């Protein structure tokens, strides 16, 4: 049993190191995806509300219907 203990400790260390590495990679990829999607979501919200996001002035044409043509802009 004492000969097996170093191998178990090494295996546990490798599993934890792999978990930490994967978590860090996932967080970086998630942050990059959020940075890419945020301007698009802000633009869509602005078009749907019909107001300027900076000064909240209504757009003269009002809200714009967004969405696919199949759903009728819904």
N, C-alpha and C. Protein backbone atom coordinates (compact mmCIF):
# COMPACT_ATOMS: atom_id res chain seq x y z
N UNK A 1 0.82 -1.19 0.00
CA UNK A 1 0.00 0.00 0.00
C UNK A 1 0.87 1.26 0.00
N UNK A 2 2.01 1.22 0.68
CA UNK A 2 2.87 2.40 0.73
C UNK A 2 3.51 2.68 -0.63
N UNK A 3 3.69 1.67 -1.47
CA UNK A 3 4.26 1.88 -2.80
C UNK A 3 3.24 2.56 -3.72
N UNK A 4 1.96 2.41 -3.42
CA UNK A 4 0.90 2.95 -4.26
C UNK A 4 0.60 4.42 -3.94
N UNK A 5 0.91 4.86 -2.75
CA UNK A 5 0.58 6.20 -2.30
C UNK A 5 1.20 7.31 -3.16
N UNK A 6 2.47 7.27 -3.53
CA UNK A 6 3.03 8.33 -4.38
C UNK A 6 2.33 8.42 -5.75
N UNK A 7 1.92 7.29 -6.27
CA UNK A 7 1.23 7.29 -7.57
C UNK A 7 -0.16 7.92 -7.44
N UNK A 8 -0.84 7.64 -6.34
CA UNK A 8 -2.15 8.23 -6.12
C UNK A 8 -2.05 9.75 -5.93
N UNK A 9 -1.04 10.18 -5.20
CA UNK A 9 -0.83 11.61 -4.99
C UNK A 9 -0.49 12.29 -6.32
N UNK A 10 0.36 11.66 -7.12
CA UNK A 10 0.72 12.23 -8.43
C UNK A 10 -0.50 12.28 -9.35
N UNK A 11 -1.32 11.23 -9.35
CA UNK A 11 -2.51 11.21 -10.18
C UNK A 11 -3.50 12.29 -9.75
N UNK A 12 -3.69 12.46 -8.46
CA UNK A 12 -4.58 13.50 -7.95
C UNK A 12 -4.05 14.88 -8.34
N UNK A 13 -2.75 15.07 -8.23
CA UNK A 13 -2.16 16.35 -8.61
C UNK A 13 -2.39 16.63 -10.10
N UNK A 14 -2.19 15.64 -10.95
CA UNK A 14 -2.38 15.83 -12.39
C UNK A 14 -3.83 16.14 -12.72
N UNK A 15 -4.76 15.47 -12.06
CA UNK A 15 -6.18 15.73 -12.30
C UNK A 15 -6.52 17.16 -11.89
N UNK A 16 -6.07 17.58 -10.72
CA UNK A 16 -6.35 18.95 -10.26
C UNK A 16 -5.68 19.99 -11.15
N UNK A 17 -4.45 19.72 -11.59
CA UNK A 17 -3.77 20.65 -12.49
C UNK A 17 -4.51 20.76 -13.82
N UNK A 18 -4.98 19.63 -14.34
CA UNK A 18 -5.75 19.65 -15.58
C UNK A 18 -7.06 20.40 -15.43
N UNK A 19 -7.71 20.23 -14.29
CA UNK A 19 -8.95 20.95 -14.02
C UNK A 19 -8.70 22.45 -13.98
N UNK A 20 -7.64 22.87 -13.28
CA UNK A 20 -7.33 24.30 -13.16
C UNK A 20 -6.99 24.90 -14.53
N UNK A 21 -6.22 24.16 -15.32
CA UNK A 21 -5.84 24.64 -16.65
C UNK A 21 -7.07 24.78 -17.55
N UNK A 22 -7.93 23.79 -17.54
CA UNK A 22 -9.14 23.83 -18.34
C UNK A 22 -10.09 24.94 -17.91
N UNK A 23 -10.19 25.15 -16.63
CA UNK A 23 -11.05 26.23 -16.13
C UNK A 23 -10.54 27.59 -16.57
N UNK A 24 -9.23 27.76 -16.49
CA UNK A 24 -8.64 29.05 -16.92
C UNK A 24 -8.86 29.27 -18.41
N UNK A 25 -8.67 28.24 -19.21
CA UNK A 25 -8.88 28.35 -20.65
C UNK A 25 -10.33 28.68 -20.96
N UNK A 26 -11.25 28.03 -20.26
CA UNK A 26 -12.67 28.27 -20.47
C UNK A 26 -13.08 29.67 -20.10
N UNK A 27 -12.53 30.18 -19.02
CA UNK A 27 -12.85 31.56 -18.60
C UNK A 27 -12.33 32.56 -19.62
N UNK A 28 -11.14 32.33 -20.16
CA UNK A 28 -10.58 33.24 -21.17
C UNK A 28 -11.42 33.22 -22.44
N UNK A 29 -11.84 32.03 -22.88
CA UNK A 29 -12.67 31.92 -24.08
C UNK A 29 -14.03 32.56 -23.85
N UNK A 30 -14.59 32.38 -22.68
CA UNK A 30 -15.88 32.98 -22.36
C UNK A 30 -15.81 34.49 -22.33
N UNK A 31 -14.74 35.02 -21.78
CA UNK A 31 -14.57 36.47 -21.74
C UNK A 31 -14.40 37.04 -23.15
N UNK A 32 -13.67 36.33 -24.00
CA UNK A 32 -13.50 36.79 -25.38
C UNK A 32 -14.83 36.76 -26.12
N UNK A 33 -15.63 35.73 -25.90
CA UNK A 33 -16.94 35.66 -26.55
C UNK A 33 -17.86 36.77 -26.06
N UNK A 34 -17.79 37.09 -24.78
CA UNK A 34 -18.62 38.17 -24.23
C UNK A 34 -18.20 39.52 -24.80
N UNK A 35 -16.89 39.74 -24.94
CA UNK A 35 -16.42 40.99 -25.53
C UNK A 35 -16.87 41.13 -26.97
N UNK A 36 -16.95 40.02 -27.70
CA UNK A 36 -17.38 40.06 -29.10
C UNK A 36 -18.88 40.27 -29.21
N UNK A 37 -19.67 39.72 -28.30
CA UNK A 37 -21.12 39.78 -28.38
C UNK A 37 -21.71 41.06 -27.78
N UNK A 38 -21.03 41.69 -26.86
CA UNK A 38 -21.58 42.86 -26.16
C UNK A 38 -21.96 44.01 -27.09
N UNK A 39 -21.11 44.40 -28.04
CA UNK A 39 -21.52 45.50 -28.92
C UNK A 39 -22.76 45.16 -29.76
N UNK A 40 -22.86 43.91 -30.19
CA UNK A 40 -24.02 43.51 -30.98
C UNK A 40 -25.29 43.55 -30.15
N UNK A 41 -25.22 43.10 -28.92
CA UNK A 41 -26.39 43.11 -28.05
C UNK A 41 -26.79 44.55 -27.71
N UNK A 42 -25.82 45.42 -27.47
CA UNK A 42 -26.12 46.81 -27.18
C UNK A 42 -26.77 47.47 -28.40
N UNK A 43 -26.27 47.18 -29.58
CA UNK A 43 -26.84 47.75 -30.80
C UNK A 43 -28.28 47.27 -30.99
N UNK A 44 -28.54 45.99 -30.79
CA UNK A 44 -29.89 45.46 -30.94
C UNK A 44 -30.83 46.09 -29.91
N UNK A 45 -30.38 46.24 -28.69
CA UNK A 45 -31.21 46.85 -27.63
C UNK A 45 -31.53 48.30 -27.99
N UNK A 46 -30.54 49.01 -28.52
CA UNK A 46 -30.74 50.40 -28.92
C UNK A 46 -31.75 50.50 -30.05
N UNK A 47 -31.64 49.62 -31.04
CA UNK A 47 -32.58 49.65 -32.16
C UNK A 47 -33.99 49.30 -31.71
N UNK A 48 -34.12 48.35 -30.80
CA UNK A 48 -35.44 47.94 -30.33
C UNK A 48 -36.09 49.01 -29.46
N UNK A 49 -35.30 49.71 -28.66
CA UNK A 49 -35.88 50.72 -27.77
C UNK A 49 -36.12 52.04 -28.49
N UNK A 50 -35.34 52.32 -29.53
CA UNK A 50 -35.50 53.57 -30.26
C UNK A 50 -34.92 54.76 -29.53
N UNK A 51 -34.05 54.53 -28.58
CA UNK A 51 -33.44 55.61 -27.79
C UNK A 51 -31.92 55.51 -27.86
N UNK A 52 -31.28 56.67 -27.77
CA UNK A 52 -29.83 56.73 -27.74
C UNK A 52 -29.35 56.17 -26.40
N UNK A 53 -28.35 55.27 -26.40
CA UNK A 53 -27.88 54.70 -25.13
C UNK A 53 -27.08 55.70 -24.30
N UNK A 54 -26.60 56.78 -24.90
CA UNK A 54 -25.79 57.75 -24.18
C UNK A 54 -26.67 58.82 -23.53
N UNK A 55 -27.55 59.43 -24.32
CA UNK A 55 -28.33 60.56 -23.79
C UNK A 55 -29.82 60.24 -23.65
N UNK A 56 -30.26 59.07 -24.06
CA UNK A 56 -31.65 58.62 -23.95
C UNK A 56 -32.62 59.44 -24.79
N UNK A 57 -32.11 60.13 -25.81
CA UNK A 57 -32.97 60.88 -26.71
C UNK A 57 -33.69 59.91 -27.64
N UNK A 58 -34.99 60.05 -27.81
CA UNK A 58 -35.69 59.16 -28.73
C UNK A 58 -35.28 59.43 -30.17
N UNK A 59 -35.21 58.38 -30.94
CA UNK A 59 -34.88 58.50 -32.36
C UNK A 59 -36.13 58.98 -33.09
N UNK A 60 -35.97 59.89 -34.06
CA UNK A 60 -37.14 60.43 -34.76
C UNK A 60 -37.98 59.36 -35.46
N UNK A 61 -37.35 58.30 -35.91
CA UNK A 61 -38.10 57.25 -36.61
C UNK A 61 -38.70 56.26 -35.64
N UNK A 62 -38.35 56.33 -34.37
CA UNK A 62 -38.88 55.40 -33.38
C UNK A 62 -38.14 54.08 -33.37
N UNK A 63 -38.66 53.10 -32.63
CA UNK A 63 -37.99 51.79 -32.57
C UNK A 63 -38.00 51.10 -33.92
N UNK A 64 -36.99 50.32 -34.16
CA UNK A 64 -36.87 49.55 -35.39
C UNK A 64 -37.18 48.10 -35.09
N UNK A 65 -38.01 47.46 -35.92
CA UNK A 65 -38.31 46.04 -35.74
C UNK A 65 -37.08 45.24 -36.10
N UNK A 66 -36.67 44.36 -35.21
CA UNK A 66 -35.52 43.50 -35.48
C UNK A 66 -36.00 42.06 -35.53
N UNK A 67 -35.18 41.24 -36.06
CA UNK A 67 -35.53 39.82 -36.15
C UNK A 67 -35.42 39.35 -37.59
N UNK A 68 -35.75 38.12 -37.80
CA UNK A 68 -35.65 37.55 -39.13
C UNK A 68 -36.93 37.84 -39.92
N UNK A 69 -36.83 37.88 -41.24
CA UNK A 69 -38.02 38.14 -42.06
C UNK A 69 -39.09 37.06 -41.89
N UNK A 70 -38.68 35.84 -41.54
CA UNK A 70 -39.64 34.75 -41.39
C UNK A 70 -40.58 34.99 -40.21
N UNK A 71 -40.09 35.69 -39.18
CA UNK A 71 -40.91 35.92 -38.00
C UNK A 71 -41.61 37.27 -38.06
N UNK A 72 -41.46 37.97 -39.15
CA UNK A 72 -42.11 39.26 -39.29
C UNK A 72 -41.48 40.33 -38.43
N UNK A 73 -40.20 40.22 -38.16
CA UNK A 73 -39.51 41.21 -37.37
C UNK A 73 -39.72 41.03 -35.87
N UNK A 74 -40.24 39.94 -35.44
CA UNK A 74 -40.50 39.72 -34.02
C UNK A 74 -39.32 39.08 -33.36
